[in-house]
Amino acid sequence: MTVTALRESPRAPGRYAVTISDGRSFIVGVAALADSGATRVGATLGPDALALLVREAAISDLVALALGMLARGRRTRRELELRLRRKQPDLTLIDVALDRLAHSGVLSDEEVARAEAASRLRRGQAPTRVRQTLRSKGITGRDADAAVADAIADDGFDELTACRAAAEKRARSLAALEPVVARRRLIGFLQRRGFGGAAIRTILDEQRRKTEDP
């Protein structure tokens, strides 16, 4: 095989479109051009060089897809991997692509964990629930614990205050229900938010006393 065309990709600055004599085209970085020998039109490519171009083009596509996902919102490595697997069955290629993003600093589970923990605690989720959510996103237990601890230290978090605010807001939407039904649904809601039994009992007792007071 020989290189029949070589030009910088208009859609991916810094990457080059290499067309070979069988009509196939690959978009790769400068390093792949040098390693494969595809540095000029007319260059001859052996089987190993061609395989390298195929591999690098696949990795390049995965990196581009991952960057597009990251541009739309925070993603952990595990979340990106699951989405990329819909496009590419080769997990080795996905790992290489994600490793490159992590090495460049674009992908960081620790940063995602810190941002998610702070955001969710501010929205009133209990630390237990936040940790569970982070773990479900592929964050390690140690990183999840550290992120929640840092967020609490930075912003402060009082479980009873957060539980009270969540309960008061939810109770307003349950006001038309029978008291027993409303109480049951409120308990389920607070449990799903990750609040502990002691905090929930305290808040329910507060609400009960309010309704009993003349």
N, C-alpha and C. Protein backbone atom coordinates (compact mmCIF):
# COMPACT_ATOMS: atom_id res chain seq x y z
N MET A 1 0.83 -1.19 0.00
CA MET A 1 0.00 0.00 0.00
C MET A 1 0.87 1.26 0.00
N THR A 2 0.39 2.28 -0.67
CA THR A 2 1.11 3.56 -0.69
C THR A 2 0.19 4.69 -0.25
N VAL A 3 0.81 5.75 0.22
CA VAL A 3 0.05 6.94 0.61
C VAL A 3 -0.28 7.74 -0.64
N THR A 4 -1.57 7.99 -0.89
CA THR A 4 -1.98 8.74 -2.08
C THR A 4 -2.38 10.18 -1.76
N ALA A 5 -2.65 10.45 -0.49
CA ALA A 5 -3.00 11.83 -0.10
C ALA A 5 -2.68 12.01 1.37
N LEU A 6 -2.24 13.22 1.71
CA LEU A 6 -1.90 13.53 3.11
C LEU A 6 -2.18 15.01 3.34
N ARG A 7 -3.07 15.30 4.25
CA ARG A 7 -3.39 16.70 4.53
C ARG A 7 -3.92 16.82 5.96
N GLU A 8 -3.79 18.02 6.49
CA GLU A 8 -4.33 18.26 7.84
C GLU A 8 -5.85 18.23 7.78
N SER A 9 -6.44 17.58 8.76
CA SER A 9 -7.90 17.47 8.79
C SER A 9 -8.53 18.82 9.12
N PRO A 10 -9.46 19.31 8.29
CA PRO A 10 -10.10 20.60 8.57
C PRO A 10 -10.97 20.55 9.82
N ARG A 11 -11.45 19.35 10.17
CA ARG A 11 -12.33 19.22 11.34
C ARG A 11 -11.56 18.90 12.62
N ALA A 12 -10.31 18.53 12.48
CA ALA A 12 -9.52 18.15 13.66
C ALA A 12 -8.12 18.73 13.53
N PRO A 13 -7.96 20.01 13.83
CA PRO A 13 -6.63 20.63 13.72
C PRO A 13 -5.59 19.86 14.54
N GLY A 14 -4.42 19.68 13.94
CA GLY A 14 -3.36 18.94 14.61
C GLY A 14 -3.37 17.46 14.28
N ARG A 15 -4.41 17.02 13.56
CA ARG A 15 -4.47 15.63 13.11
C ARG A 15 -4.51 15.62 11.58
N TYR A 16 -4.08 14.51 11.00
CA TYR A 16 -3.92 14.45 9.55
C TYR A 16 -4.71 13.30 8.95
N ALA A 17 -5.28 13.59 7.77
CA ALA A 17 -6.01 12.58 7.03
C ALA A 17 -5.05 11.91 6.05
N VAL A 18 -4.86 10.62 6.24
CA VAL A 18 -3.97 9.84 5.37
C VAL A 18 -4.83 8.93 4.50
N THR A 19 -4.73 9.10 3.19
CA THR A 19 -5.46 8.23 2.26
C THR A 19 -4.46 7.29 1.59
N ILE A 20 -4.84 6.00 1.54
CA ILE A 20 -3.93 5.02 0.94
C ILE A 20 -4.52 4.50 -0.36
N SER A 21 -3.72 3.71 -1.06
CA SER A 21 -4.06 3.33 -2.43
C SER A 21 -5.30 2.47 -2.59
N ASP A 22 -5.79 1.86 -1.53
CA ASP A 22 -7.03 1.09 -1.65
C ASP A 22 -8.25 1.95 -1.36
N GLY A 23 -8.05 3.26 -1.15
CA GLY A 23 -9.16 4.19 -0.95
C GLY A 23 -9.49 4.49 0.49
N ARG A 24 -8.92 3.75 1.41
CA ARG A 24 -9.20 4.01 2.82
C ARG A 24 -8.50 5.27 3.30
N SER A 25 -9.13 5.91 4.29
CA SER A 25 -8.56 7.13 4.85
C SER A 25 -8.57 7.03 6.36
N PHE A 26 -7.50 7.51 6.99
CA PHE A 26 -7.36 7.46 8.43
C PHE A 26 -6.98 8.84 8.96
N ILE A 27 -7.60 9.25 10.04
CA ILE A 27 -7.25 10.52 10.67
C ILE A 27 -6.45 10.21 11.92
N VAL A 28 -5.19 10.65 11.93
CA VAL A 28 -4.28 10.31 13.02
C VAL A 28 -3.43 11.52 13.39
N GLY A 29 -2.72 11.39 14.51
CA GLY A 29 -1.84 12.45 14.95
C GLY A 29 -0.47 12.39 14.30
N VAL A 30 0.36 13.38 14.59
CA VAL A 30 1.69 13.45 13.99
C VAL A 30 2.55 12.26 14.41
N ALA A 31 2.42 11.84 15.66
CA ALA A 31 3.23 10.71 16.14
C ALA A 31 2.94 9.45 15.33
N ALA A 32 1.67 9.22 15.02
CA ALA A 32 1.30 8.03 14.24
C ALA A 32 1.86 8.11 12.82
N LEU A 33 1.89 9.33 12.26
CA LEU A 33 2.47 9.50 10.93
C LEU A 33 3.95 9.09 10.96
N ALA A 34 4.66 9.57 11.96
CA ALA A 34 6.09 9.28 12.05
C ALA A 34 6.33 7.80 12.30
N ASP A 35 5.56 7.21 13.20
CA ASP A 35 5.77 5.80 13.54
C ASP A 35 5.44 4.86 12.39
N SER A 36 4.46 5.25 11.58
CA SER A 36 4.05 4.37 10.47
C SER A 36 4.85 4.64 9.20
N GLY A 37 5.52 5.78 9.14
CA GLY A 37 6.24 6.15 7.93
C GLY A 37 5.37 6.84 6.89
N ALA A 38 4.12 7.15 7.26
CA ALA A 38 3.19 7.79 6.32
C ALA A 38 3.38 9.30 6.35
N THR A 39 4.57 9.75 6.05
CA THR A 39 4.90 11.17 6.19
C THR A 39 4.86 11.94 4.88
N ARG A 40 4.62 11.23 3.78
CA ARG A 40 4.59 11.91 2.48
C ARG A 40 3.78 11.09 1.49
N VAL A 41 3.26 11.78 0.51
CA VAL A 41 2.55 11.08 -0.57
C VAL A 41 3.55 10.19 -1.31
N GLY A 42 3.17 8.96 -1.58
CA GLY A 42 4.04 8.02 -2.26
C GLY A 42 4.76 7.06 -1.34
N ALA A 43 4.70 7.32 -0.01
CA ALA A 43 5.36 6.43 0.94
C ALA A 43 4.71 5.06 0.90
N THR A 44 5.54 4.03 0.99
CA THR A 44 5.04 2.66 0.98
C THR A 44 4.81 2.20 2.41
N LEU A 45 3.66 1.57 2.62
CA LEU A 45 3.29 1.11 3.96
C LEU A 45 3.20 -0.41 3.99
N GLY A 46 3.96 -1.02 4.90
CA GLY A 46 3.88 -2.46 5.09
C GLY A 46 2.70 -2.82 5.99
N PRO A 47 2.49 -4.11 6.23
CA PRO A 47 1.36 -4.56 7.07
C PRO A 47 1.38 -3.97 8.48
N ASP A 48 2.56 -3.89 9.08
CA ASP A 48 2.64 -3.33 10.44
C ASP A 48 2.30 -1.85 10.46
N ALA A 49 2.77 -1.12 9.48
CA ALA A 49 2.49 0.30 9.41
C ALA A 49 1.00 0.54 9.19
N LEU A 50 0.39 -0.28 8.33
CA LEU A 50 -1.04 -0.16 8.07
C LEU A 50 -1.84 -0.48 9.32
N ALA A 51 -1.44 -1.53 10.04
CA ALA A 51 -2.13 -1.89 11.27
C ALA A 51 -2.04 -0.77 12.30
N LEU A 52 -0.88 -0.12 12.35
CA LEU A 52 -0.71 1.00 13.28
C LEU A 52 -1.66 2.14 12.94
N LEU A 53 -1.79 2.45 11.65
CA LEU A 53 -2.71 3.51 11.25
C LEU A 53 -4.15 3.17 11.61
N VAL A 54 -4.54 1.93 11.37
CA VAL A 54 -5.90 1.50 11.70
C VAL A 54 -6.15 1.66 13.19
N ARG A 55 -5.19 1.21 13.99
CA ARG A 55 -5.33 1.29 15.45
C ARG A 55 -5.38 2.73 15.92
N GLU A 56 -4.45 3.56 15.45
CA GLU A 56 -4.39 4.95 15.88
C GLU A 56 -5.62 5.74 15.45
N ALA A 57 -6.14 5.43 14.28
CA ALA A 57 -7.35 6.13 13.82
C ALA A 57 -8.53 5.78 14.72
N ALA A 58 -8.62 4.51 15.12
CA ALA A 58 -9.70 4.09 16.01
C ALA A 58 -9.58 4.78 17.37
N ILE A 59 -8.37 4.86 17.88
CA ILE A 59 -8.16 5.53 19.17
C ILE A 59 -8.47 7.02 19.05
N SER A 60 -8.06 7.62 17.94
CA SER A 60 -8.32 9.04 17.71
C SER A 60 -9.81 9.32 17.70
N ASP A 61 -10.58 8.43 17.06
CA ASP A 61 -12.03 8.59 17.02
C ASP A 61 -12.62 8.51 18.42
N LEU A 62 -12.11 7.58 19.21
CA LEU A 62 -12.62 7.42 20.57
C LEU A 62 -12.31 8.64 21.43
N VAL A 63 -11.11 9.18 21.27
CA VAL A 63 -10.74 10.40 22.01
C VAL A 63 -11.69 11.54 21.64
N ALA A 64 -11.96 11.68 20.35
CA ALA A 64 -12.86 12.75 19.90
C ALA A 64 -14.27 12.57 20.47
N LEU A 65 -14.75 11.33 20.47
CA LEU A 65 -16.08 11.05 21.02
C LEU A 65 -16.12 11.39 22.51
N ALA A 66 -15.09 10.97 23.23
CA ALA A 66 -15.03 11.22 24.67
C ALA A 66 -14.98 12.72 24.96
N LEU A 67 -14.20 13.45 24.19
CA LEU A 67 -14.12 14.90 24.39
C LEU A 67 -15.48 15.56 24.17
N GLY A 68 -16.21 15.07 23.18
CA GLY A 68 -17.55 15.60 22.93
C GLY A 68 -18.47 15.36 24.12
N MET A 69 -18.36 14.19 24.73
CA MET A 69 -19.18 13.88 25.91
C MET A 69 -18.79 14.76 27.09
N LEU A 70 -17.49 14.95 27.27
CA LEU A 70 -17.02 15.79 28.38
C LEU A 70 -17.43 17.25 28.19
N ALA A 71 -17.53 17.67 26.94
CA ALA A 71 -17.94 19.05 26.68
C ALA A 71 -19.39 19.29 27.09
N ARG A 72 -20.17 18.21 27.13
CA ARG A 72 -21.60 18.34 27.48
C ARG A 72 -21.85 18.18 28.99
N GLY A 73 -20.85 17.77 29.73
CA GLY A 73 -21.05 17.63 31.17
C GLY A 73 -19.99 16.76 31.81
N ARG A 74 -19.96 16.75 33.14
CA ARG A 74 -18.98 15.95 33.87
C ARG A 74 -19.22 14.47 33.63
N ARG A 75 -18.14 13.74 33.42
CA ARG A 75 -18.21 12.29 33.22
C ARG A 75 -17.02 11.63 33.91
N THR A 76 -17.26 10.51 34.55
CA THR A 76 -16.16 9.73 35.10
C THR A 76 -15.60 8.82 34.01
N ARG A 77 -14.46 8.24 34.30
CA ARG A 77 -13.86 7.31 33.35
C ARG A 77 -14.82 6.15 33.06
N ARG A 78 -15.46 5.63 34.11
CA ARG A 78 -16.38 4.50 33.92
C ARG A 78 -17.57 4.90 33.05
N GLU A 79 -18.11 6.08 33.25
CA GLU A 79 -19.24 6.53 32.44
C GLU A 79 -18.84 6.66 30.97
N LEU A 80 -17.66 7.21 30.72
CA LEU A 80 -17.19 7.33 29.34
C LEU A 80 -16.97 5.95 28.73
N GLU A 81 -16.39 5.05 29.51
CA GLU A 81 -16.13 3.71 28.99
C GLU A 81 -17.43 3.03 28.55
N LEU A 82 -18.46 3.12 29.37
CA LEU A 82 -19.74 2.48 29.04
C LEU A 82 -20.33 3.05 27.76
N ARG A 83 -20.19 4.35 27.57
CA ARG A 83 -20.74 4.97 26.36
C ARG A 83 -19.90 4.63 25.13
N LEU A 84 -18.59 4.60 25.29
CA LEU A 84 -17.72 4.28 24.16
C LEU A 84 -17.87 2.83 23.72
N ARG A 85 -18.24 1.97 24.63
CA ARG A 85 -18.41 0.55 24.28
C ARG A 85 -19.56 0.35 23.29
N ARG A 86 -20.45 1.32 23.21
CA ARG A 86 -21.53 1.24 22.22
C ARG A 86 -21.00 1.44 20.80
N LYS A 87 -19.85 2.11 20.71
CA LYS A 87 -19.24 2.41 19.42
C LYS A 87 -18.07 1.48 19.09
N GLN A 88 -17.38 1.03 20.12
CA GLN A 88 -16.14 0.27 19.91
C GLN A 88 -16.11 -0.92 20.88
N PRO A 89 -16.14 -2.15 20.37
CA PRO A 89 -16.13 -3.33 21.26
C PRO A 89 -14.77 -3.65 21.85
N ASP A 90 -13.70 -3.09 21.28
CA ASP A 90 -12.35 -3.39 21.75
C ASP A 90 -12.03 -2.56 23.00
N LEU A 91 -12.07 -3.19 24.17
CA LEU A 91 -11.84 -2.47 25.42
C LEU A 91 -10.41 -1.96 25.54
N THR A 92 -9.49 -2.64 24.88
CA THR A 92 -8.09 -2.19 24.93
C THR A 92 -7.94 -0.82 24.29
N LEU A 93 -8.59 -0.63 23.15
CA LEU A 93 -8.53 0.67 22.48
C LEU A 93 -9.19 1.76 23.32
N ILE A 94 -10.29 1.41 23.96
CA ILE A 94 -10.97 2.38 24.83
C ILE A 94 -10.07 2.77 25.99
N ASP A 95 -9.40 1.79 26.59
CA ASP A 95 -8.50 2.08 27.70
C ASP A 95 -7.38 3.03 27.28
N VAL A 96 -6.82 2.78 26.11
CA VAL A 96 -5.74 3.65 25.62
C VAL A 96 -6.25 5.07 25.42
N ALA A 97 -7.42 5.20 24.82
CA ALA A 97 -7.99 6.53 24.58
C ALA A 97 -8.23 7.26 25.89
N LEU A 98 -8.80 6.58 26.87
CA LEU A 98 -9.08 7.22 28.16
C LEU A 98 -7.80 7.51 28.93
N ASP A 99 -6.81 6.64 28.78
CA ASP A 99 -5.51 6.91 29.42
C ASP A 99 -4.90 8.20 28.88
N ARG A 100 -5.04 8.41 27.58
CA ARG A 100 -4.48 9.63 26.97
C ARG A 100 -5.20 10.87 27.50
N LEU A 101 -6.50 10.78 27.66
CA LEU A 101 -7.25 11.91 28.19
C LEU A 101 -6.87 12.17 29.65
N ALA A 102 -6.70 11.10 30.41
CA ALA A 102 -6.32 11.25 31.82
C ALA A 102 -4.92 11.85 31.92
N HIS A 103 -4.01 11.39 31.07
CA HIS A 103 -2.64 11.89 31.10
C HIS A 103 -2.58 13.37 30.74
N SER A 104 -3.48 13.81 29.87
CA SER A 104 -3.49 15.22 29.47
C SER A 104 -4.19 16.10 30.50
N GLY A 105 -4.83 15.48 31.49
CA GLY A 105 -5.52 16.24 32.52
C GLY A 105 -6.96 16.55 32.20
N VAL A 106 -7.43 16.12 31.04
CA VAL A 106 -8.81 16.39 30.64
C VAL A 106 -9.79 15.52 31.42
N LEU A 107 -9.37 14.31 31.75
CA LEU A 107 -10.23 13.36 32.45
C LEU A 107 -9.68 13.10 33.84
N SER A 108 -10.47 13.38 34.86
CA SER A 108 -10.02 13.18 36.24
C SER A 108 -11.21 12.77 37.10
N ASP A 109 -11.22 11.53 37.55
CA ASP A 109 -12.29 11.07 38.43
C ASP A 109 -12.30 11.84 39.74
N GLU A 110 -11.12 12.22 40.23
CA GLU A 110 -11.05 12.95 41.49
C GLU A 110 -11.74 14.31 41.38
N GLU A 111 -11.52 14.99 40.25
CA GLU A 111 -12.16 16.30 40.06
C GLU A 111 -13.67 16.15 39.91
N VAL A 112 -14.09 15.13 39.19
CA VAL A 112 -15.53 14.88 39.03
C VAL A 112 -16.15 14.61 40.40
N ALA A 113 -15.48 13.78 41.20
CA ALA A 113 -16.00 13.43 42.52
C ALA A 113 -16.16 14.67 43.39
N ARG A 114 -15.15 15.55 43.39
CA ARG A 114 -15.23 16.76 44.22
C ARG A 114 -16.37 17.67 43.76
N ALA A 115 -16.50 17.86 42.45
CA ALA A 115 -17.55 18.73 41.93
C ALA A 115 -18.94 18.16 42.20
N GLU A 116 -19.09 16.86 41.98
CA GLU A 116 -20.38 16.22 42.20
C GLU A 116 -20.77 16.24 43.67
N ALA A 117 -19.80 15.95 44.54
CA ALA A 117 -20.09 15.94 45.98
C ALA A 117 -20.56 17.31 46.44
N ALA A 118 -19.84 18.35 46.05
CA ALA A 118 -20.21 19.71 46.46
C ALA A 118 -21.59 20.08 45.94
N SER A 119 -21.85 19.77 44.68
CA SER A 119 -23.13 20.13 44.06
C SER A 119 -24.30 19.40 44.72
N ARG A 120 -24.13 18.12 44.98
CA ARG A 120 -25.22 17.32 45.53
C ARG A 120 -25.48 17.66 47.00
N LEU A 121 -24.45 17.94 47.74
CA LEU A 121 -24.67 18.35 49.13
C LEU A 121 -25.40 19.69 49.19
N ARG A 122 -25.05 20.59 48.29
CA ARG A 122 -25.73 21.90 48.26
C ARG A 122 -27.20 21.73 47.90
N ARG A 123 -27.51 20.70 47.12
CA ARG A 123 -28.92 20.46 46.74
C ARG A 123 -29.68 19.71 47.82
N GLY A 124 -29.02 19.41 48.92
CA GLY A 124 -29.71 18.81 50.05
C GLY A 124 -29.62 17.32 50.16
N GLN A 125 -28.81 16.67 49.34
CA GLN A 125 -28.64 15.23 49.48
C GLN A 125 -27.74 14.93 50.67
N ALA A 126 -28.04 13.86 51.38
CA ALA A 126 -27.24 13.47 52.53
C ALA A 126 -25.92 12.86 52.08
N PRO A 127 -24.87 12.97 52.90
CA PRO A 127 -23.57 12.41 52.53
C PRO A 127 -23.62 10.95 52.12
N THR A 128 -24.42 10.14 52.82
CA THR A 128 -24.52 8.72 52.47
C THR A 128 -25.00 8.53 51.05
N ARG A 129 -26.01 9.30 50.68
CA ARG A 129 -26.56 9.20 49.33
C ARG A 129 -25.55 9.69 48.30
N VAL A 130 -24.83 10.75 48.63
CA VAL A 130 -23.82 11.29 47.71
C VAL A 130 -22.73 10.25 47.46
N ARG A 131 -22.29 9.60 48.53
CA ARG A 131 -21.26 8.55 48.37
C ARG A 131 -21.77 7.43 47.47
N GLN A 132 -23.01 7.02 47.67
CA GLN A 132 -23.58 5.95 46.84
C GLN A 132 -23.62 6.36 45.38
N THR A 133 -24.00 7.59 45.13
CA THR A 133 -24.07 8.08 43.75
C THR A 133 -22.69 8.10 43.11
N LEU A 134 -21.70 8.57 43.85
CA LEU A 134 -20.34 8.61 43.31
C LEU A 134 -19.84 7.21 43.01
N ARG A 135 -20.12 6.27 43.90
CA ARG A 135 -19.69 4.89 43.65
C ARG A 135 -20.35 4.32 42.41
N SER A 136 -21.63 4.67 42.20
CA SER A 136 -22.34 4.17 41.02
C SER A 136 -21.77 4.73 39.72
N LYS A 137 -21.06 5.86 39.81
CA LYS A 137 -20.44 6.47 38.65
C LYS A 137 -19.03 5.92 38.39
N GLY A 138 -18.59 4.99 39.24
CA GLY A 138 -17.28 4.40 39.05
C GLY A 138 -16.18 5.00 39.90
N ILE A 139 -16.54 5.92 40.82
CA ILE A 139 -15.56 6.51 41.72
C ILE A 139 -15.21 5.49 42.81
N THR A 140 -13.95 5.35 43.14
CA THR A 140 -13.56 4.42 44.19
C THR A 140 -14.11 4.89 45.54
N GLY A 141 -14.24 3.93 46.46
CA GLY A 141 -14.75 4.28 47.78
C GLY A 141 -13.90 5.31 48.48
N ARG A 142 -12.59 5.18 48.36
CA ARG A 142 -11.69 6.13 49.02
C ARG A 142 -11.85 7.53 48.43
N ASP A 143 -11.93 7.62 47.09
CA ASP A 143 -12.09 8.94 46.46
C ASP A 143 -13.45 9.54 46.77
N ALA A 144 -14.47 8.70 46.84
CA ALA A 144 -15.81 9.19 47.17
C ALA A 144 -15.84 9.74 48.59
N ASP A 145 -15.25 9.01 49.53
CA ASP A 145 -15.20 9.48 50.91
C ASP A 145 -14.43 10.79 51.02
N ALA A 146 -13.31 10.87 50.32
CA ALA A 146 -12.49 12.08 50.38
C ALA A 146 -13.23 13.28 49.79
N ALA A 147 -13.94 13.05 48.68
CA ALA A 147 -14.66 14.14 48.03
C ALA A 147 -15.77 14.67 48.92
N VAL A 148 -16.50 13.77 49.56
CA VAL A 148 -17.59 14.19 50.45
C VAL A 148 -17.02 14.92 51.66
N ALA A 149 -15.95 14.40 52.23
CA ALA A 149 -15.33 15.04 53.39
C ALA A 149 -14.83 16.44 53.03
N ASP A 150 -14.22 16.59 51.86
CA ASP A 150 -13.73 17.90 51.44
C ASP A 150 -14.88 18.89 51.24
N ALA A 151 -15.96 18.39 50.62
CA ALA A 151 -17.11 19.27 50.37
C ALA A 151 -17.74 19.73 51.68
N ILE A 152 -17.83 18.83 52.66
CA ILE A 152 -18.39 19.20 53.96
C ILE A 152 -17.48 20.22 54.64
N ALA A 153 -16.17 20.00 54.57
CA ALA A 153 -15.22 20.92 55.19
C ALA A 153 -15.27 22.30 54.54
N ASP A 154 -15.45 22.34 53.22
CA ASP A 154 -15.45 23.61 52.50
C ASP A 154 -16.75 24.39 52.69
N ASP A 155 -17.87 23.69 52.58
CA ASP A 155 -19.17 24.36 52.58
C ASP A 155 -19.95 24.17 53.88
N GLY A 156 -19.57 23.17 54.65
CA GLY A 156 -20.35 22.87 55.84
C GLY A 156 -21.58 22.06 55.48
N PHE A 157 -22.00 21.17 56.34
CA PHE A 157 -23.20 20.39 56.09
C PHE A 157 -23.75 19.91 57.42
N ASP A 158 -24.99 20.23 57.67
CA ASP A 158 -25.68 19.76 58.86
C ASP A 158 -26.83 18.88 58.42
N GLU A 159 -26.74 17.59 58.74
CA GLU A 159 -27.74 16.64 58.24
C GLU A 159 -29.14 17.00 58.70
N LEU A 160 -29.28 17.40 59.95
CA LEU A 160 -30.61 17.71 60.46
C LEU A 160 -31.22 18.91 59.74
N THR A 161 -30.40 19.94 59.50
CA THR A 161 -30.89 21.13 58.78
C THR A 161 -31.29 20.77 57.36
N ALA A 162 -30.45 19.98 56.68
CA ALA A 162 -30.75 19.58 55.31
C ALA A 162 -31.99 18.70 55.26
N CYS A 163 -32.11 17.79 56.23
CA CYS A 163 -33.27 16.90 56.27
C CYS A 163 -34.55 17.71 56.51
N ARG A 164 -34.47 18.69 57.39
CA ARG A 164 -35.64 19.53 57.67
C ARG A 164 -36.08 20.30 56.43
N ALA A 165 -35.12 20.88 55.72
CA ALA A 165 -35.45 21.64 54.51
C ALA A 165 -36.10 20.75 53.46
N ALA A 166 -35.53 19.55 53.28
CA ALA A 166 -36.08 18.62 52.28
C ALA A 166 -37.47 18.17 52.68
N ALA A 167 -37.67 17.91 53.97
CA ALA A 167 -38.97 17.44 54.44
C ALA A 167 -40.03 18.51 54.29
N GLU A 168 -39.70 19.74 54.63
CA GLU A 168 -40.68 20.83 54.53
C GLU A 168 -41.10 21.05 53.09
N LYS A 169 -40.13 20.98 52.19
CA LYS A 169 -40.45 21.18 50.77
C LYS A 169 -41.33 20.05 50.25
N ARG A 170 -40.97 18.83 50.62
CA ARG A 170 -41.73 17.67 50.15
C ARG A 170 -43.12 17.62 50.78
N ALA A 171 -43.22 18.00 52.03
CA ALA A 171 -44.49 17.93 52.74
C ALA A 171 -45.56 18.78 52.07
N ARG A 172 -45.14 19.90 51.50
CA ARG A 172 -46.12 20.78 50.84
C ARG A 172 -46.81 20.08 49.68
N SER A 173 -46.08 19.20 48.98
CA SER A 173 -46.68 18.49 47.84
C SER A 173 -47.52 17.29 48.28
N LEU A 174 -47.41 16.95 49.57
CA LEU A 174 -48.15 15.80 50.09
C LEU A 174 -49.32 16.23 50.96
N ALA A 175 -49.54 17.54 51.06
CA ALA A 175 -50.53 18.07 52.00
C ALA A 175 -51.95 17.57 51.74
N ALA A 176 -52.28 17.24 50.51
CA ALA A 176 -53.65 16.81 50.19
C ALA A 176 -53.91 15.35 50.52
N LEU A 177 -52.89 14.60 50.88
CA LEU A 177 -53.05 13.18 51.17
C LEU A 177 -53.46 12.94 52.62
N GLU A 178 -53.95 11.74 52.87
CA GLU A 178 -54.24 11.35 54.24
C GLU A 178 -52.95 11.39 55.05
N PRO A 179 -52.99 11.82 56.31
CA PRO A 179 -51.77 11.94 57.12
C PRO A 179 -50.90 10.69 57.14
N VAL A 180 -51.52 9.52 57.25
CA VAL A 180 -50.74 8.28 57.30
C VAL A 180 -50.01 8.05 55.98
N VAL A 181 -50.70 8.30 54.87
CA VAL A 181 -50.10 8.12 53.55
C VAL A 181 -49.00 9.15 53.32
N ALA A 182 -49.27 10.39 53.70
CA ALA A 182 -48.28 11.45 53.52
C ALA A 182 -47.02 11.16 54.33
N ARG A 183 -47.19 10.67 55.56
CA ARG A 183 -46.04 10.35 56.41
C ARG A 183 -45.20 9.23 55.79
N ARG A 184 -45.88 8.21 55.29
CA ARG A 184 -45.16 7.08 54.69
C ARG A 184 -44.37 7.52 53.46
N ARG A 185 -44.99 8.33 52.64
CA ARG A 185 -44.30 8.80 51.44
C ARG A 185 -43.14 9.75 51.78
N LEU A 186 -43.34 10.54 52.79
CA LEU A 186 -42.27 11.45 53.21
C LEU A 186 -41.07 10.68 53.74
N ILE A 187 -41.34 9.65 54.51
CA ILE A 187 -40.24 8.82 55.03
C ILE A 187 -39.47 8.18 53.88
N GLY A 188 -40.20 7.63 52.90
CA GLY A 188 -39.54 7.01 51.75
C GLY A 188 -38.70 8.01 50.98
N PHE A 189 -39.24 9.22 50.82
CA PHE A 189 -38.51 10.27 50.10
C PHE A 189 -37.21 10.61 50.82
N LEU A 190 -37.28 10.80 52.12
CA LEU A 190 -36.09 11.17 52.89
C LEU A 190 -35.07 10.04 52.92
N GLN A 191 -35.53 8.81 52.98
CA GLN A 191 -34.62 7.68 52.94
C GLN A 191 -33.89 7.61 51.60
N ARG A 192 -34.62 7.88 50.52
CA ARG A 192 -33.99 7.85 49.19
C ARG A 192 -32.97 8.97 49.04
N ARG A 193 -33.14 10.04 49.76
CA ARG A 193 -32.17 11.14 49.73
C ARG A 193 -30.94 10.82 50.58
N GLY A 194 -31.00 9.71 51.31
CA GLY A 194 -29.83 9.27 52.07
C GLY A 194 -29.79 9.71 53.52
N PHE A 195 -30.88 10.27 54.03
CA PHE A 195 -30.87 10.72 55.43
C PHE A 195 -31.04 9.54 56.37
N GLY A 196 -30.34 9.63 57.51
CA GLY A 196 -30.37 8.54 58.48
C GLY A 196 -31.66 8.51 59.27
N GLY A 197 -31.89 7.37 59.92
CA GLY A 197 -33.12 7.18 60.66
C GLY A 197 -33.29 8.17 61.80
N ALA A 198 -32.21 8.50 62.49
CA ALA A 198 -32.30 9.43 63.61
C ALA A 198 -32.76 10.82 63.15
N ALA A 199 -32.18 11.29 62.05
CA ALA A 199 -32.56 12.61 61.53
C ALA A 199 -34.01 12.60 61.07
N ILE A 200 -34.42 11.54 60.40
CA ILE A 200 -35.80 11.46 59.92
C ILE A 200 -36.78 11.45 61.09
N ARG A 201 -36.48 10.69 62.12
CA ARG A 201 -37.38 10.63 63.28
C ARG A 201 -37.48 12.00 63.96
N THR A 202 -36.37 12.67 64.05
CA THR A 202 -36.38 14.00 64.67
C THR A 202 -37.27 14.97 63.90
N ILE A 203 -37.14 14.96 62.59
CA ILE A 203 -37.93 15.88 61.76
C ILE A 203 -39.40 15.52 61.80
N LEU A 204 -39.71 14.24 61.77
CA LEU A 204 -41.11 13.82 61.84
C LEU A 204 -41.73 14.21 63.17
N ASP A 205 -40.95 14.08 64.24
CA ASP A 205 -41.45 14.50 65.56
C ASP A 205 -41.70 16.01 65.57
N GLU A 206 -40.82 16.77 64.95
CA GLU A 206 -41.02 18.23 64.88
C GLU A 206 -42.31 18.55 64.15
N GLN A 207 -42.53 17.87 63.03
CA GLN A 207 -43.75 18.14 62.25
C GLN A 207 -44.99 17.74 63.04
N ARG A 208 -44.91 16.62 63.75
CA ARG A 208 -46.06 16.17 64.55
C ARG A 208 -46.39 17.18 65.62
N ARG A 209 -45.38 17.72 66.30
CA ARG A 209 -45.62 18.70 67.35
C ARG A 209 -46.24 19.97 66.80
N LYS A 210 -45.80 20.35 65.58
CA LYS A 210 -46.38 21.55 64.97
C LYS A 210 -47.87 21.39 64.71
N THR A 211 -48.26 20.20 64.26
CA THR A 211 -49.68 19.97 63.96
C THR A 211 -50.50 19.85 65.24
N GLU A 212 -49.87 19.44 66.34
CA GLU A 212 -50.59 19.26 67.60
C GLU A 212 -50.72 20.57 68.37
N ASP A 213 -49.78 21.50 68.16
CA ASP A 213 -49.82 22.78 68.87
C ASP A 213 -51.01 23.58 68.43
N PRO A 214 -51.75 24.21 69.36
CA PRO A 214 -52.91 25.03 68.98
C PRO A 214 -52.46 26.28 68.24
